[in-house]
């Protein structure tokens, strides 16, 4: 499935979208599951975040789309799209997800600027950026509405030019005053949405 079909399915198929900006993630399949952090340009961060976005519960979340925006060598920029149908046997850990990322880099060919990707998302759904200066998630998503997209930074955060863009054109939200691992943020957002939606459904 190409990028347009993934994005066109937001709202109908996908209710949650997680996007990680990876400043160093490899843009060609030059790594293995054993070299995610080295040859992969910290694709271990991407793999862990994808796992927690899609698979923090069992079975895999069928209403969730994960997008990795990669800016590393050798041919940036590039995106990888992952959902529960990306593999007949979905990954059960970081190394398995790393293997899937490598396979998808071989089979998918999606290239867009980061701002171009976010602009397309903004036309489909509400878009939130996880940022320490954002509004507390408990207030911002007290009554969450889906679909919604959540943008996460990698181990380096966002470059200033993209940070300024995101703070201006998306809704900044925060889970606390200090930086957290992207994988932990994805898990927290899922947990918060799950608990908030349960409360709303019981009212």
Protein backbone atom coordinates (compact mmCIF):
# COMPACT_ATOMS: atom_id res chain seq x y z
CA UNK A 1 0.00 0.00 0.00
CA UNK A 2 1.42 3.39 -0.96
CA UNK A 3 1.58 6.49 1.23
CA UNK A 4 -1.57 8.05 -0.24
CA UNK A 5 -3.65 4.98 0.58
CA UNK A 6 -2.37 4.92 4.15
CA UNK A 7 -3.12 8.61 4.65
CA UNK A 8 -6.50 8.36 2.92
CA UNK A 9 -7.47 5.64 5.42
CA UNK A 10 -7.11 7.98 8.42
CA UNK A 11 -10.52 8.36 9.96
CA UNK A 12 -12.07 5.29 8.38
CA UNK A 13 -9.49 2.63 9.29
CA UNK A 14 -6.96 4.45 11.45
CA UNK A 15 -8.07 6.35 14.56
CA UNK A 16 -4.59 6.87 16.04
CA UNK A 17 -1.52 7.91 14.09
CA UNK A 18 1.97 8.14 15.59
CA UNK A 19 4.76 9.89 13.71
CA UNK A 20 8.37 9.84 14.85
CA UNK A 21 10.86 12.31 13.42
CA UNK A 22 14.23 10.53 13.22
CA UNK A 23 17.11 12.85 12.39
CA UNK A 24 19.57 9.97 11.96
CA UNK A 25 17.46 6.94 10.95
CA UNK A 26 18.87 5.09 7.93
CA UNK A 27 16.99 5.75 4.69
CA UNK A 28 18.11 2.55 2.96
CA UNK A 29 18.20 -1.05 4.32
CA UNK A 30 21.88 -0.89 5.25
CA UNK A 31 21.43 -2.36 8.74
CA UNK A 32 20.36 -5.60 10.38
CA UNK A 33 18.37 -6.21 13.54
CA UNK A 34 21.74 -6.41 15.34
CA UNK A 35 23.03 -3.07 14.06
CA UNK A 36 19.95 -0.85 14.53
CA UNK A 37 21.76 1.59 16.82
CA UNK A 38 24.96 1.78 14.74
CA UNK A 39 24.57 1.21 11.01
CA UNK A 40 20.87 1.98 11.38
CA UNK A 41 21.51 5.45 12.75
CA UNK A 42 19.52 4.80 15.95
CA UNK A 43 16.80 2.84 14.22
CA UNK A 44 16.53 1.11 17.60
CA UNK A 45 14.69 4.23 18.80
CA UNK A 46 12.32 4.00 15.82
CA UNK A 47 11.79 0.25 16.35
CA UNK A 48 10.97 0.59 20.06
CA UNK A 49 8.60 3.48 19.41
CA UNK A 50 6.82 1.59 16.64
CA UNK A 51 6.44 -1.40 18.91
CA UNK A 52 4.89 0.59 21.75
CA UNK A 53 2.64 2.57 19.40
CA UNK A 54 1.25 -0.58 17.78
CA UNK A 55 1.80 -3.42 20.18
CA UNK A 56 1.63 -2.19 23.77
CA UNK A 57 -1.43 -4.42 24.09
CA UNK A 58 -2.25 -7.78 22.56
CA UNK A 59 -3.29 -8.19 19.85
CA UNK A 60 -1.74 -5.45 17.72
CA UNK A 61 -3.87 -2.27 17.58
CA UNK A 62 -5.72 -2.50 14.23
CA UNK A 63 -6.83 1.15 14.39
CA UNK A 64 -3.28 2.52 14.64
CA UNK A 65 -0.85 3.71 11.96
CA UNK A 66 2.82 4.34 12.68
CA UNK A 67 4.90 6.57 10.40
CA UNK A 68 8.68 6.87 10.68
CA UNK A 69 10.04 10.01 9.02
CA UNK A 70 13.73 9.33 8.41
CA UNK A 71 16.39 11.99 7.74
CA UNK A 72 19.54 9.87 8.00
CA UNK A 73 21.93 8.71 5.29
CA UNK A 74 22.23 7.74 2.52
CA UNK A 75 19.12 9.15 0.77
CA UNK A 76 16.91 11.37 2.94
CA UNK A 77 14.11 12.12 3.41
CA UNK A 78 12.07 8.95 3.53
CA UNK A 79 9.01 7.56 5.29
CA UNK A 80 8.07 4.07 6.42
CA UNK A 81 4.43 3.21 7.17
CA UNK A 82 3.56 0.36 9.54
CA UNK A 83 0.23 -1.06 10.64
CA UNK A 84 -1.01 -4.42 11.90
CA UNK A 85 -1.13 -5.77 8.35
CA UNK A 86 2.50 -4.97 7.58
CA UNK A 87 3.55 -8.51 8.38
CA UNK A 88 1.78 -11.87 8.63
CA UNK A 89 3.49 -12.24 12.01
CA UNK A 90 3.74 -8.89 13.76
CA UNK A 91 6.94 -8.17 15.75
CA UNK A 92 7.06 -9.11 19.41
CA UNK A 93 10.10 -7.02 20.29
CA UNK A 94 12.66 -4.45 19.18
CA UNK A 95 14.75 -6.76 16.99
CA UNK A 96 11.70 -8.18 15.24
CA UNK A 97 10.49 -4.64 14.55
CA UNK A 98 13.95 -3.76 13.25
CA UNK A 99 13.73 -6.63 10.76
CA UNK A 100 10.32 -5.39 9.65
CA UNK A 101 11.61 -1.83 9.21
CA UNK A 102 14.42 -3.13 7.02
CA UNK A 103 11.96 -5.16 4.93
CA UNK A 104 9.67 -2.16 4.49
CA UNK A 105 12.58 0.03 3.40
CA UNK A 106 13.16 -2.53 0.66
CA UNK A 107 9.51 -2.63 -0.45
CA UNK A 108 8.13 0.87 0.22
CA UNK A 109 9.21 3.99 -1.66
CA UNK A 110 7.72 7.00 0.08
CA UNK A 111 9.50 10.34 0.05
CA UNK A 112 8.16 13.63 1.30
CA UNK A 113 9.51 16.56 3.23
CA UNK A 114 8.64 16.51 6.91
CA UNK A 115 6.46 19.60 6.65
CA UNK A 116 4.80 18.18 3.54
CA UNK A 117 3.87 15.04 5.49
CA UNK A 118 2.48 17.03 8.41
CA UNK A 119 0.51 19.32 6.10
CA UNK A 120 -1.16 16.26 4.58
CA UNK A 121 -1.97 14.93 8.04
CA UNK A 122 -3.45 18.27 9.10
CA UNK A 123 -5.94 18.02 6.26
CA UNK A 124 -7.13 14.64 7.62
CA UNK A 125 -7.13 14.92 11.40
CA UNK A 126 -6.19 16.85 14.53
CA UNK A 127 -2.41 16.84 14.94
CA UNK A 128 -0.62 17.09 18.29
CA UNK A 129 3.10 17.50 18.93
CA UNK A 130 4.53 16.04 22.14
CA UNK A 131 6.68 18.85 23.54
CA UNK A 132 7.75 19.84 27.04
CA UNK A 133 6.26 23.34 26.61
CA UNK A 134 2.87 22.03 25.47
CA UNK A 135 -0.43 22.00 27.33
CA UNK A 136 -0.75 19.21 29.88
CA UNK A 137 -2.25 16.14 28.20
CA UNK A 138 -4.81 15.79 31.00
CA UNK A 139 -6.31 19.14 30.04
CA UNK A 140 -5.68 19.02 26.29
CA UNK A 141 -7.22 15.57 25.87
CA UNK A 142 -9.66 15.50 28.76
CA UNK A 143 -12.38 14.61 26.24
CA UNK A 144 -10.34 13.05 23.41
CA UNK A 145 -11.74 12.90 19.92
CA UNK A 146 -10.46 10.45 17.34
CA UNK A 147 -8.92 10.30 14.82
CA UNK A 148 -5.85 12.08 16.11
CA UNK A 149 -2.17 12.17 15.15
CA UNK A 150 0.75 12.47 17.58
CA UNK A 151 4.23 13.64 16.57
CA UNK A 152 7.25 12.49 18.58
CA UNK A 153 10.87 13.58 18.42
CA UNK A 154 13.82 11.18 18.47
CA UNK A 155 16.81 11.12 20.82
CA UNK A 156 17.84 14.57 19.53
CA UNK A 157 14.41 16.17 19.52
CA UNK A 158 13.34 18.36 16.61
CA UNK A 159 15.62 20.70 14.63
CA UNK A 160 14.73 24.32 15.40
CA UNK A 161 13.16 24.98 12.00
CA UNK A 162 10.76 22.03 12.44
CA UNK A 163 10.18 22.76 16.11
CA UNK A 164 9.01 26.29 15.22
CA UNK A 165 6.76 24.89 12.49
CA UNK A 166 5.21 22.28 14.79
CA UNK A 167 4.60 24.72 17.62
CA UNK A 168 2.85 27.06 15.18
CA UNK A 169 0.81 24.67 13.05
CA UNK A 170 0.00 21.77 15.40
CA UNK A 171 -1.27 21.60 18.99
CA UNK A 172 1.63 21.13 21.44
CA UNK A 173 0.83 18.83 24.36
CA UNK A 174 3.01 17.53 27.16
CA UNK A 175 3.22 14.55 29.50
CA UNK A 176 5.66 16.37 31.77
CA UNK A 177 8.27 19.14 32.06
CA UNK A 178 11.26 17.11 30.89
CA UNK A 179 12.08 15.00 27.82
CA UNK A 180 11.05 11.35 27.79
CA UNK A 181 11.94 8.45 25.52
CA UNK A 182 9.74 8.45 22.42
CA UNK A 183 8.71 4.84 23.08
CA UNK A 184 7.55 5.74 26.60
CA UNK A 185 5.62 8.73 25.25
CA UNK A 186 3.81 6.55 22.69
CA UNK A 187 2.88 4.04 25.41
CA UNK A 188 1.68 6.82 27.72
CA UNK A 189 -0.47 8.44 25.02
CA UNK A 190 -2.09 5.10 24.20
CA UNK A 191 -2.77 4.42 27.88
CA UNK A 192 -4.22 7.91 28.38
CA UNK A 193 -6.50 7.59 25.36
CA UNK A 194 -7.64 4.12 26.43
CA UNK A 195 -8.52 5.22 29.97
CA UNK A 196 -10.14 8.50 28.86
CA UNK A 197 -12.28 6.81 26.23
CA UNK A 198 -13.37 4.15 28.73
CA UNK A 199 -14.49 6.88 31.12
CA UNK A 200 -16.40 8.70 28.39
CA UNK A 201 -18.16 5.53 27.28
CA UNK A 202 -19.28 4.80 30.86
CA UNK A 203 -20.82 8.26 31.41
